[in-house]
Amino acid sequence: MQYDFLNQFPKRMKHVGRYALLISNSSQKAIWKQYGFLKADEQMNVIFTLLLYLMEQSLKEENCTIDDIGAYLDNLNMRYFEKNMSFEDCRALGDFLINVVLSNEGKAMYFDGFDFEQRAYQIMHVSYVANRIVYVDSELRRTSYYLTEDGYNLLLSTLEIENNMKLTIHEMIFKMHLEKQSYDKAVDDIKNVFNLMRIQLQKTQEAMSRIRRNALSYSVAEYESVLVENLDTIGDTKQKFQNYRELVMTRQRELEEIDFSVRRLDQKEEETLKNLTIIENYLNRTIDEHQKILNSHFDLKSLYTKELEQLSQMSFIRRFSLRNELYEKILERPDALGSLDIFLRPLFTNTPEKILNLNKCLELQKPIRRKAEEEEEEQMEFGDEAWMAREERRQAEKLAKYESSLRFLLGMAASAENNEISLEEIREQIGADETEALIPNVQIFKEIMVELIKGKEIDIQTLKEERKNYISELSGAFHLNEMLLFISEEMRPEIFAVEVYRMEDGKTIVFDQVEDETGAKKSIRCSNVLIRVKQKGAENGI
């Protein structure tokens, strides 16, 4: 009797192993009981909520440090789990999940699956997360975590379908919803399609990274699997999605023409137009991902071929023993030391080949000033008190500039009609001296505006409640919420909310002769932004 159903059994066991190792690393750990997660069900729910957060951050290519993980778990705990944990407890729990449960304390994880064709166990490596070094605020060095291929497969297998059918089925569902004009559902479909394309791209890039480290550790079967998946992804995807984009853009134009020349769109039609805009955006990004996958596909083939060729050439390298061929010969004839330069001269006369690396030409160059600052930071370990005092003064001066700029913005908004003002109105009202107060330098102004726009609606009262519940030391770096609390408490009447929105008027606001961090003068261009403050009482002022 032929047991055909046992074919590819190790592959099935690889899926099982991802769960088995996760449970093995998590079970019987006393730390769960410290935070109130007594049941295995609760523990697995927490692990997978963290894995989903890691996947979301990985797909968005955003940093995911232990502090980010701690804040995420803290937010979940306050809103849903309701365990007796502080922020530090949540951060410690996140560190345990990353370094113990998902990384096995830095030790490699393996799971054996029996191969019935080879009549032996096949050892399979399992890895859920990887890490890289990132710089937060261009100064602080942190470790950021992201999902590996096994991490993605673990999560997608809890909800999704097999790899070779995922993209095709999601694309078919997307097409069906477009034809039925169910644009709200089509938005979710195109997001799933884009995520699958991004995952395939990251999988190819991870394969290239492994090949660069050691081509022999990357098997031909793995190489073939990635190539086949790439070909399945890039087959006729681009033309299909270009056709979808034309269809979406046509429907958009029809609705815009109705709104412009016939009548105003009703609420349903406006929602449809909004969904069509989102779909068009994701279609553009999907086509871009398609091109990236196509490029990386050929890069992978070229890299693998090159690395294998270099490994094969190593067999032609002639090696000799310095002890036998040099030291022993000199001991036999000490007078040969006078001619040793003849032996060593070739090592120092060959001019190395210079190769133009286009990747280095195109990558973001690190400013010399920032590099100097990093070198200064390394001295902190030696306890140089004079240096630390200078650093504290520098940080205090920098924070004062942040405060001055933010205070100026809030003051302009508070003194304006209806307690709101746009960047365009600020530029028209201020002179050269006030421009320097608003924009101490380009980087400070940019960071303040980015944080305000990200915050959108900031409730000061909520921030005060959080400060009462969680006491933390001042970090010395710029934190928008901390500074807003400090400034709002000095206002009479006091601010209780700040709202910042990007205005959809298409205007570009230009500030001329503004200093950058190096003191050079330049012009900056930014979108028009509306700043609104809400205050207690009738009077305005800072």
Protein backbone atom coordinates (compact mmCIF):
# COMPACT_ATOMS: atom_id res chain seq x y z
CA MET A 1 0.00 0.00 0.00
CA GLN A 2 1.38 3.41 -1.02
CA TYR A 3 1.00 6.10 1.60
CA ASP A 4 0.88 9.06 -0.79
CA PHE A 5 -0.80 11.18 1.86
CA LEU A 6 2.51 11.20 3.77
CA ASN A 7 4.27 13.14 1.01
CA GLN A 8 5.74 16.46 2.13
CA PHE A 9 5.21 15.43 5.73
CA PRO A 10 8.18 17.53 7.02
CA LYS A 11 6.57 20.62 5.51
CA ARG A 12 3.44 19.91 7.52
CA MET A 13 5.54 19.35 10.61
CA LYS A 14 7.25 22.72 10.05
CA HIS A 15 3.84 24.38 10.51
CA VAL A 16 3.20 22.28 13.62
CA GLY A 17 6.69 23.04 14.94
CA ARG A 18 6.08 26.78 14.86
CA TYR A 19 3.23 26.31 17.35
CA ALA A 20 4.96 23.60 19.38
CA LEU A 21 8.10 25.65 20.02
CA LEU A 22 6.03 28.69 20.88
CA ILE A 23 4.08 26.72 23.48
CA SER A 24 7.26 25.06 24.79
CA ASN A 25 8.99 28.43 25.33
CA SER A 26 5.93 29.90 27.03
CA SER A 27 4.62 27.12 29.25
CA GLN A 28 5.65 26.66 32.86
CA LYS A 29 7.05 30.21 33.09
CA ALA A 30 6.44 31.80 36.49
CA ILE A 31 6.50 35.32 35.05
CA TRP A 32 2.97 34.86 33.64
CA LYS A 33 1.55 34.45 37.15
CA GLN A 34 3.24 37.66 38.32
CA TYR A 35 1.08 39.64 35.91
CA GLY A 36 -2.17 37.71 36.37
CA PHE A 37 -2.17 35.55 33.21
CA LEU A 38 -2.83 32.19 34.86
CA LYS A 39 -4.48 30.21 32.04
CA ALA A 40 -2.63 28.97 28.97
CA ASP A 41 -5.46 30.44 26.86
CA GLU A 42 -4.72 33.93 28.16
CA GLN A 43 -1.01 33.52 27.60
CA MET A 44 -1.41 32.43 23.96
CA ASN A 45 -3.79 35.33 23.31
CA VAL A 46 -1.17 37.81 24.58
CA ILE A 47 1.58 36.19 22.47
CA PHE A 48 -0.45 36.40 19.27
CA THR A 49 -1.59 39.97 19.91
CA LEU A 50 2.11 40.88 20.12
CA LEU A 51 2.88 38.91 16.94
CA LEU A 52 0.14 40.79 15.09
CA TYR A 53 1.61 44.11 16.27
CA LEU A 54 5.06 43.01 15.05
CA MET A 55 3.57 42.06 11.67
CA GLU A 56 1.79 45.41 11.34
CA GLN A 57 4.98 47.35 12.15
CA SER A 58 7.03 45.14 9.80
CA LEU A 59 4.63 45.66 6.90
CA LYS A 60 4.65 49.41 7.47
CA GLU A 61 8.45 49.29 7.79
CA GLU A 62 8.27 51.24 11.05
CA ASN A 63 10.47 50.83 14.13
CA CYS A 64 9.34 48.43 16.84
CA THR A 65 11.51 48.81 19.95
CA ILE A 66 10.92 47.36 23.43
CA ASP A 67 9.51 50.77 24.46
CA ASP A 68 7.00 50.60 21.57
CA ILE A 69 6.04 47.06 22.55
CA GLY A 70 5.63 48.11 26.21
CA ALA A 71 3.37 51.02 25.22
CA TYR A 72 1.29 48.71 23.01
CA LEU A 73 0.81 46.11 25.77
CA ASP A 74 0.08 48.88 28.29
CA ASN A 75 -2.66 50.25 26.03
CA LEU A 76 -4.17 46.79 25.53
CA ASN A 77 -4.08 46.13 29.26
CA MET A 78 -5.86 49.38 30.16
CA ARG A 79 -8.56 48.91 27.50
CA TYR A 80 -9.09 45.14 27.46
CA PHE A 81 -7.07 42.83 29.73
CA GLU A 82 -7.42 44.99 32.87
CA LYS A 83 -4.59 43.29 34.77
CA ASN A 84 -2.82 44.99 37.69
CA MET A 85 0.21 46.06 35.65
CA SER A 86 2.06 49.36 35.34
CA PHE A 87 3.84 50.56 32.21
CA GLU A 88 7.14 49.13 33.51
CA ASP A 89 5.44 45.77 34.07
CA CYS A 90 4.12 45.83 30.49
CA ARG A 91 7.59 46.70 29.22
CA ALA A 92 9.10 43.81 31.21
CA LEU A 93 6.41 41.48 29.86
CA GLY A 94 7.20 42.62 26.31
CA ASP A 95 10.90 41.97 26.90
CA PHE A 96 10.05 38.46 28.16
CA LEU A 97 7.86 37.72 25.13
CA ILE A 98 10.49 38.93 22.64
CA ASN A 99 13.65 37.51 24.19
CA VAL A 100 12.35 34.32 25.84
CA VAL A 101 9.15 33.17 24.11
CA LEU A 102 9.92 34.29 20.54
CA SER A 103 13.76 34.24 20.59
CA ASN A 104 14.46 31.37 23.04
CA GLU A 105 16.98 33.56 24.91
CA GLY A 106 19.09 33.88 21.76
CA LYS A 107 19.48 30.12 21.20
CA ALA A 108 18.59 28.60 17.83
CA MET A 109 15.29 26.67 17.69
CA TYR A 110 14.86 23.45 15.75
CA PHE A 111 11.99 21.02 15.15
CA ASP A 112 12.38 17.56 13.58
CA GLY A 113 9.91 16.27 10.99
CA PHE A 114 10.08 12.69 9.75
CA ASP A 115 10.73 12.44 6.00
CA PHE A 116 9.08 9.19 4.85
CA GLU A 117 10.83 9.35 1.47
CA GLN A 118 14.31 9.63 3.03
CA ARG A 119 13.39 7.41 6.02
CA ALA A 120 14.98 9.85 8.43
CA TYR A 121 14.17 12.91 10.49
CA GLN A 122 14.67 16.27 8.81
CA ILE A 123 15.94 19.03 11.09
CA MET A 124 14.09 22.30 10.47
CA HIS A 125 15.12 25.69 11.81
CA VAL A 126 12.40 27.95 13.23
CA SER A 127 12.78 31.68 13.85
CA TYR A 128 9.92 34.07 14.59
CA VAL A 129 11.60 37.48 14.92
CA ALA A 130 14.81 39.21 13.90
CA ASN A 131 16.25 42.57 14.92
CA ARG A 132 18.22 45.49 13.57
CA ILE A 133 19.82 48.61 15.04
CA VAL A 134 17.92 51.89 14.51
CA TYR A 135 18.48 55.46 15.66
CA VAL A 136 15.54 57.18 17.38
CA ASP A 137 15.52 60.97 17.03
CA SER A 138 18.79 60.60 15.09
CA GLU A 139 20.64 60.17 18.39
CA LEU A 140 19.40 57.26 20.52
CA ARG A 141 20.55 53.81 19.45
CA ARG A 142 17.83 51.19 19.87
CA THR A 143 17.06 47.62 18.81
CA SER A 144 14.03 47.28 16.51
CA TYR A 145 12.29 43.92 16.00
CA TYR A 146 10.52 42.58 12.92
CA LEU A 147 8.94 39.32 11.78
CA THR A 148 10.84 36.71 9.80
CA GLU A 149 9.33 34.42 7.17
CA ASP A 150 8.42 31.88 9.86
CA GLY A 151 6.69 34.62 11.87
CA TYR A 152 4.63 35.68 8.86
CA ASN A 153 3.71 32.07 8.03
CA LEU A 154 2.71 31.40 11.62
CA LEU A 155 0.32 34.33 11.67
CA LEU A 156 -1.05 33.91 8.16
CA SER A 157 -1.73 30.22 8.79
CA THR A 158 -4.08 31.19 11.64
CA LEU A 159 -6.41 32.98 9.24
CA GLU A 160 -5.23 32.77 5.64
CA ILE A 161 -4.87 30.08 2.98
CA GLU A 162 -1.96 28.32 1.32
CA ASN A 163 0.86 30.47 -0.06
CA ASN A 164 0.43 29.55 -3.72
CA MET A 165 -3.26 30.57 -3.71
CA LYS A 166 -3.32 33.63 -1.45
CA LEU A 167 -2.62 36.32 -4.03
CA THR A 168 -4.81 34.73 -6.72
CA ILE A 169 -7.83 34.34 -4.46
CA HIS A 170 -7.54 37.83 -2.95
CA GLU A 171 -7.21 39.28 -6.45
CA MET A 172 -10.32 37.38 -7.61
CA ILE A 173 -12.31 38.61 -4.61
CA PHE A 174 -11.10 42.17 -5.24
CA LYS A 175 -12.18 41.94 -8.89
CA MET A 176 -15.61 40.61 -7.89
CA HIS A 177 -16.18 43.46 -5.42
CA LEU A 178 -15.11 46.02 -8.04
CA GLU A 179 -17.60 44.61 -10.52
CA LYS A 180 -20.37 44.66 -7.92
CA GLN A 181 -19.31 48.19 -6.91
CA SER A 182 -18.84 47.08 -3.30
CA TYR A 183 -16.00 49.55 -2.86
CA ASP A 184 -15.90 49.39 0.94
CA LYS A 185 -15.09 45.67 0.74
CA ALA A 186 -12.73 46.22 -2.19
CA VAL A 187 -10.65 48.51 0.05
CA ASP A 188 -9.94 45.63 2.45
CA ASP A 189 -9.22 43.28 -0.46
CA ILE A 190 -6.63 45.55 -2.10
CA LYS A 191 -4.96 46.10 1.28
CA ASN A 192 -4.61 42.33 1.66
CA VAL A 193 -3.19 42.06 -1.86
CA PHE A 194 -0.66 44.81 -1.12
CA ASN A 195 0.36 43.14 2.14
CA LEU A 196 0.97 39.84 0.33
CA MET A 197 3.13 41.62 -2.24
CA ARG A 198 5.10 43.33 0.53
CA ILE A 199 5.61 40.04 2.37
CA GLN A 200 6.92 38.40 -0.83
CA LEU A 201 9.35 41.30 -1.34
CA GLN A 202 10.61 41.04 2.24
CA LYS A 203 10.97 37.28 1.84
CA THR A 204 13.19 37.80 -1.23
CA GLN A 205 15.26 40.43 0.56
CA GLU A 206 15.72 38.12 3.55
CA ALA A 207 16.87 35.35 1.17
CA MET A 208 19.45 37.72 -0.34
CA SER A 209 20.69 38.64 3.13
CA ARG A 210 21.18 34.95 4.01
CA ILE A 211 23.04 34.35 0.75
CA ARG A 212 25.39 37.27 1.41
CA ARG A 213 26.20 35.89 4.87
CA ASN A 214 26.82 32.32 3.66
CA ALA A 215 25.61 31.00 0.32
CA LEU A 216 26.18 27.39 1.44
CA SER A 217 23.59 27.79 4.23
CA TYR A 218 20.92 28.58 1.65
CA SER A 219 19.75 25.40 -0.06
CA VAL A 220 18.85 25.06 -3.73
CA ALA A 221 15.33 23.98 -2.72
CA GLU A 222 14.80 27.21 -0.78
CA TYR A 223 16.20 29.20 -3.71
CA GLU A 224 13.87 27.44 -6.14
CA SER A 225 10.88 28.01 -3.86
CA VAL A 226 11.50 31.77 -3.68
CA LEU A 227 11.99 32.02 -7.45
CA VAL A 228 8.76 30.13 -8.19
CA GLU A 229 6.80 32.29 -5.75
CA ASN A 230 8.26 35.43 -7.34
CA LEU A 231 7.28 34.23 -10.80
CA ASP A 232 3.76 33.41 -9.60
CA THR A 233 3.50 36.89 -8.10
CA ILE A 234 4.81 38.87 -11.07
CA GLY A 235 3.25 36.74 -13.83
CA ASP A 236 0.46 38.98 -15.13
CA THR A 237 -0.17 40.95 -11.94
CA LYS A 238 1.01 44.30 -13.28
CA GLN A 239 -1.28 44.37 -16.32
CA LYS A 240 -4.26 43.26 -14.26
CA PHE A 241 -3.81 45.96 -11.67
CA GLN A 242 -3.18 48.62 -14.29
CA ASN A 243 -6.57 47.69 -15.79
CA TYR A 244 -8.16 47.87 -12.34
CA ARG A 245 -6.60 51.29 -11.82
CA GLU A 246 -8.04 52.57 -15.11
CA LEU A 247 -11.47 51.31 -14.08
CA VAL A 248 -11.23 52.98 -10.67
CA MET A 249 -9.98 56.27 -12.12
CA THR A 250 -12.84 56.30 -14.65
CA ARG A 251 -15.39 55.82 -11.87
CA GLN A 252 -13.67 58.57 -9.85
CA ARG A 253 -13.88 61.04 -12.75
CA GLU A 254 -17.59 60.30 -13.22
CA LEU A 255 -18.34 61.09 -9.57
CA GLU A 256 -16.16 64.22 -9.62
CA GLU A 257 -17.91 65.51 -12.75
CA ILE A 258 -21.31 64.96 -11.11
CA ASP A 259 -20.15 66.86 -8.02
CA PHE A 260 -18.71 69.68 -10.12
CA SER A 261 -21.37 70.30 -12.79
CA VAL A 262 -24.64 68.55 -11.89
CA ARG A 263 -25.23 68.39 -8.14
CA ARG A 264 -23.50 67.81 -4.86
CA LEU A 265 -22.81 64.20 -4.03
CA ASP A 266 -24.89 62.59 -1.31
CA GLN A 267 -23.30 60.89 1.68
CA LYS A 268 -23.17 57.45 0.04
CA GLU A 269 -21.56 58.82 -3.13
CA GLU A 270 -18.99 60.77 -1.09
CA GLU A 271 -18.11 57.59 0.77
CA THR A 272 -17.77 55.79 -2.56
CA LEU A 273 -15.46 58.50 -3.89
CA LYS A 274 -13.34 58.27 -0.72
CA ASN A 275 -13.07 54.47 -1.06
CA LEU A 276 -12.14 54.80 -4.74
CA THR A 277 -9.34 57.20 -3.82
CA ILE A 278 -7.99 54.72 -1.25
CA ILE A 279 -8.21 51.88 -3.79
CA GLU A 280 -6.35 53.92 -6.42
CA ASN A 281 -3.61 54.71 -3.89
CA TYR A 282 -3.14 51.05 -2.96
CA LEU A 283 -3.21 50.00 -6.63
CA ASN A 284 -0.37 52.43 -7.32
CA ARG A 285 1.58 51.05 -4.37
CA THR A 286 0.85 47.47 -5.47
CA ILE A 287 2.21 48.19 -8.96
CA ASP A 288 5.31 49.71 -7.34
CA GLU A 289 5.74 46.58 -5.20
CA HIS A 290 5.40 44.48 -8.36
CA GLN A 291 8.30 46.37 -9.91
CA LYS A 292 10.38 45.98 -6.75
CA ILE A 293 9.72 42.22 -6.68
CA LEU A 294 10.69 41.99 -10.37
CA ASN A 295 13.96 43.82 -9.70
CA SER A 296 14.75 41.81 -6.58
CA HIS A 297 13.96 38.58 -8.48
CA PHE A 298 16.77 39.25 -10.96
CA ASP A 299 19.03 40.57 -8.19
CA LEU A 300 18.51 37.33 -6.26
CA LYS A 301 19.43 35.21 -9.29
CA SER A 302 22.51 37.31 -9.99
CA LEU A 303 23.63 37.31 -6.34
CA TYR A 304 23.20 33.55 -5.85
CA THR A 305 25.10 32.81 -9.08
CA LYS A 306 27.91 35.18 -8.15
CA GLU A 307 28.29 33.82 -4.60
CA LEU A 308 28.39 30.20 -5.79
CA GLU A 309 30.97 31.09 -8.44
CA GLN A 310 33.17 32.75 -5.83
CA LEU A 311 32.88 29.71 -3.58
CA SER A 312 33.86 27.42 -6.46
CA GLN A 313 36.92 29.59 -7.20
CA MET A 314 38.19 29.10 -3.66
CA SER A 315 39.35 25.61 -4.64
CA PHE A 316 41.88 27.20 -7.03
CA ILE A 317 43.49 29.34 -4.32
CA ARG A 318 46.96 28.07 -3.45
CA ARG A 319 47.75 28.13 0.25
CA PHE A 320 51.05 27.61 2.03
CA SER A 321 52.19 27.39 5.62
CA LEU A 322 54.12 30.40 6.91
CA ARG A 323 55.83 28.19 9.48
CA ASN A 324 57.10 25.63 6.98
CA GLU A 325 57.73 27.86 3.97
CA LEU A 326 59.05 30.97 5.76
CA TYR A 327 60.02 30.51 9.42
CA GLU A 328 61.79 27.17 8.99
CA LYS A 329 63.67 28.43 5.92
CA ILE A 330 64.91 31.50 7.82
CA LEU A 331 66.02 29.37 10.77
CA GLU A 332 68.01 27.24 8.37
CA ARG A 333 69.56 30.31 6.69
CA PRO A 334 69.46 33.39 9.01
CA ASP A 335 71.32 35.46 6.43
CA ALA A 336 68.17 35.32 4.28
CA LEU A 337 66.61 37.95 6.60
CA GLY A 338 68.52 40.58 4.61
CA SER A 339 66.45 39.71 1.54
CA LEU A 340 63.11 39.33 3.33
CA ASP A 341 61.82 42.50 1.65
CA ILE A 342 61.85 40.62 -1.68
CA PHE A 343 59.33 38.18 -0.21
CA LEU A 344 57.10 40.82 1.42
CA ARG A 345 57.25 43.54 -1.24
CA PRO A 346 54.43 42.13 -3.46
CA LEU A 347 52.03 42.36 -0.53
CA PHE A 348 52.32 46.16 -0.46
CA THR A 349 52.81 47.17 -4.08
CA ASN A 350 49.55 46.02 -5.66
CA THR A 351 47.07 48.86 -6.07
CA PRO A 352 43.59 47.72 -5.06
CA GLU A 353 40.90 47.92 -7.72
CA LYS A 354 38.48 50.80 -7.35
CA ILE A 355 34.86 49.93 -8.00
CA LEU A 356 32.07 52.47 -8.28
CA ASN A 357 29.25 51.34 -6.00
CA LEU A 358 26.04 52.97 -7.24
CA ASN A 359 24.18 51.85 -4.13
CA LYS A 360 26.54 53.95 -1.99
CA CYS A 361 25.99 56.92 -4.31
CA LEU A 362 22.22 56.72 -3.87
CA GLU A 363 21.95 55.91 -0.15
CA LEU A 364 21.33 58.63 2.42
CA GLN A 365 24.65 60.11 3.53
CA LYS A 366 25.16 60.66 7.24
CA PRO A 367 26.11 64.26 8.12
CA ILE A 368 29.59 64.68 9.59
CA ARG A 369 28.12 66.69 12.46
CA ARG A 370 25.82 63.84 13.48
CA LYS A 371 28.72 61.38 13.35
CA ALA A 372 30.73 63.68 15.61
CA GLU A 373 27.82 63.81 18.06
CA GLU A 374 27.70 60.00 18.16
CA GLU A 375 31.42 59.87 18.89
CA GLU A 376 30.88 62.32 21.74
CA GLU A 377 28.07 60.17 23.15
CA GLU A 378 30.43 57.22 23.47
CA GLN A 379 32.49 59.17 26.01
CA MET A 380 29.60 59.12 28.44
CA GLU A 381 30.63 55.69 29.70
CA PHE A 382 33.87 57.14 31.14
CA GLY A 383 32.06 59.52 33.53
CA ASP A 384 33.52 62.78 32.23
CA GLU A 385 31.68 65.27 34.47
CA ALA A 386 32.68 68.32 32.43
CA TRP A 387 31.45 66.69 29.27
CA MET A 388 28.18 65.66 30.96
CA ALA A 389 27.64 69.23 32.17
CA ARG A 390 28.19 70.56 28.62
CA GLU A 391 25.80 67.94 27.26
CA GLU A 392 23.11 68.90 29.79
CA ARG A 393 23.45 72.57 28.84
CA ARG A 394 23.23 71.69 25.15
CA GLN A 395 20.07 69.63 25.73
CA ALA A 396 18.55 72.40 27.85
CA GLU A 397 19.21 75.00 25.13
CA LYS A 398 17.74 72.71 22.50
CA LEU A 399 14.60 72.08 24.60
CA ALA A 400 14.24 75.84 25.15
CA LYS A 401 14.11 76.31 21.38
CA TYR A 402 11.42 73.62 21.09
CA GLU A 403 9.42 75.31 23.84
CA SER A 404 9.82 78.78 22.31
CA SER A 405 8.60 77.59 18.90
CA LEU A 406 5.64 75.64 20.29
CA ARG A 407 4.69 78.49 22.65
CA PHE A 408 4.76 80.92 19.71
CA LEU A 409 2.46 78.67 17.64
CA LEU A 410 -0.05 78.24 20.46
CA GLY A 411 0.07 81.97 21.25
CA MET A 412 -0.72 82.89 17.63
CA ALA A 413 -3.65 80.45 17.61
CA ALA A 414 -4.95 81.60 21.01
CA SER A 415 -4.91 85.27 20.00
CA ALA A 416 -6.56 84.68 16.60
CA GLU A 417 -10.26 84.85 15.84
CA ASN A 418 -12.12 81.69 16.91
CA ASN A 419 -8.84 80.55 18.52
CA GLU A 420 -7.55 79.07 15.24
CA ILE A 421 -4.98 80.09 12.67
CA SER A 422 -3.31 78.56 9.59
CA LEU A 423 0.38 78.50 8.69
CA GLU A 424 -0.40 80.79 5.75
CA GLU A 425 -1.90 83.41 8.09
CA ILE A 426 1.07 83.11 10.46
CA ARG A 427 3.54 83.69 7.62
CA GLU A 428 1.63 86.82 6.53
CA GLN A 429 1.44 88.27 10.05
CA ILE A 430 4.99 87.77 11.37
CA GLY A 431 8.20 89.63 10.59
CA ALA A 432 11.80 88.47 10.34
CA ASP A 433 12.41 88.54 14.12
CA GLU A 434 9.26 86.56 14.84
CA THR A 435 10.15 84.05 12.09
CA GLU A 436 13.28 83.18 14.07
CA ALA A 437 11.13 82.61 17.19
CA LEU A 438 8.76 80.37 15.19
CA ILE A 439 11.52 78.47 13.40
CA PRO A 440 14.71 78.31 15.54
CA ASN A 441 16.01 75.86 12.91
CA VAL A 442 14.50 73.67 10.23
CA GLN A 443 14.81 70.37 12.13
CA ILE A 444 13.09 71.66 15.27
CA PHE A 445 10.17 73.21 13.36
CA LYS A 446 9.78 70.09 11.23
CA GLU A 447 9.72 67.78 14.27
CA ILE A 448 7.14 69.94 16.08
CA MET A 449 4.82 70.07 13.06
CA VAL A 450 5.13 66.34 12.38
CA GLU A 451 4.28 65.50 16.00
CA LEU A 452 1.33 67.92 16.02
CA ILE A 453 -0.08 66.52 12.76
CA LYS A 454 0.35 62.95 14.03
CA GLY A 455 -1.47 63.87 17.24
CA LYS A 456 -4.37 65.62 15.38
CA GLU A 457 -6.59 66.07 18.48
CA ILE A 458 -4.73 66.26 21.79
CA ASP A 459 -6.81 66.35 24.98
CA ILE A 460 -4.77 68.04 27.72
CA GLN A 461 -7.04 66.72 30.48
CA THR A 462 -6.39 63.14 29.35
CA LEU A 463 -2.65 63.81 29.42
CA LYS A 464 -2.94 65.13 32.95
CA GLU A 465 -4.78 61.99 34.08
CA GLU A 466 -2.08 59.82 32.52
CA ARG A 467 0.60 61.84 34.28
CA LYS A 468 -1.13 61.27 37.63
CA ASN A 469 -1.26 57.52 37.09
CA TYR A 470 2.21 57.08 35.59
CA ILE A 471 5.11 59.03 37.04
CA SER A 472 8.25 59.09 34.88
CA GLU A 473 11.49 61.04 34.91
CA LEU A 474 12.06 63.76 32.34
CA SER A 475 14.15 62.32 29.52
CA GLY A 476 15.80 65.54 28.36
CA ALA A 477 14.54 64.93 24.83
CA PHE A 478 11.61 66.62 23.11
CA HIS A 479 8.23 65.04 23.87
CA LEU A 480 5.22 66.91 22.53
CA ASN A 481 2.78 65.82 25.24
CA GLU A 482 5.12 66.79 28.10
CA MET A 483 5.77 70.21 26.60
CA LEU A 484 2.07 70.84 25.87
CA LEU A 485 1.25 70.06 29.50
CA PHE A 486 3.95 72.44 30.72
CA ILE A 487 2.85 75.30 28.42
CA SER A 488 -0.89 74.78 28.97
CA GLU A 489 -0.50 75.03 32.75
CA GLU A 490 1.13 78.47 32.34
CA MET A 491 -1.69 79.80 30.18
CA ARG A 492 -4.42 81.97 31.67
CA PRO A 493 -7.03 80.76 30.80
CA GLU A 494 -5.69 77.23 30.56
CA ILE A 495 -5.69 75.18 27.31
CA PHE A 496 -7.76 72.01 27.51
CA ALA A 497 -7.38 70.78 23.89
CA VAL A 498 -5.18 71.33 20.82
CA GLU A 499 -6.30 70.35 17.30
CA VAL A 500 -4.04 70.33 14.24
CA TYR A 501 -5.20 69.40 10.72
CA ARG A 502 -3.58 69.44 7.33
CA MET A 503 -5.69 71.76 5.12
CA GLU A 504 -6.81 70.35 1.77
CA ASP A 505 -6.41 73.62 -0.13
CA GLY A 506 -3.35 72.53 -2.10
CA LYS A 507 -1.33 75.56 -0.95
CA THR A 508 2.41 75.42 -0.29
CA ILE A 509 3.71 77.71 2.46
CA VAL A 510 7.27 78.99 2.02
CA PHE A 511 9.48 80.44 4.76
CA ASP A 512 12.62 82.10 3.39
CA GLN A 513 16.05 82.58 4.97
CA VAL A 514 15.60 79.98 7.71
CA GLU A 515 18.63 78.41 9.40
CA ASP A 516 19.27 74.69 9.37
CA GLU A 517 21.22 72.81 12.05
CA THR A 518 24.55 73.87 10.52
CA GLY A 519 23.57 77.58 10.42
CA ALA A 520 23.17 77.71 6.62
CA LYS A 521 20.27 79.75 5.28
CA LYS A 522 17.64 78.00 3.21
CA SER A 523 13.97 78.14 2.25
CA ILE A 524 11.51 75.54 3.49
CA ARG A 525 8.23 74.54 1.87
CA CYS A 526 5.39 72.89 3.73
CA SER A 527 1.69 72.16 3.42
CA ASN A 528 -0.86 74.53 4.90
CA VAL A 529 -1.86 73.45 8.41
CA LEU A 530 -4.68 74.67 10.66
CA ILE A 531 -3.91 75.03 14.39
CA ARG A 532 -6.82 75.39 16.84
CA VAL A 533 -6.71 75.70 20.64
CA LYS A 534 -9.61 75.34 23.04
CA GLN A 535 -9.39 77.23 26.32
CA LYS A 536 -11.24 77.52 29.58
CA GLY A 537 -12.65 81.00 30.00
CA ALA A 538 -13.06 83.88 27.59
CA GLU A 539 -9.65 85.58 27.63
CA ASN A 540 -6.71 84.53 25.49
CA GLY A 541 -3.00 84.70 26.09
CA ILE A 542 0.11 82.87 27.06
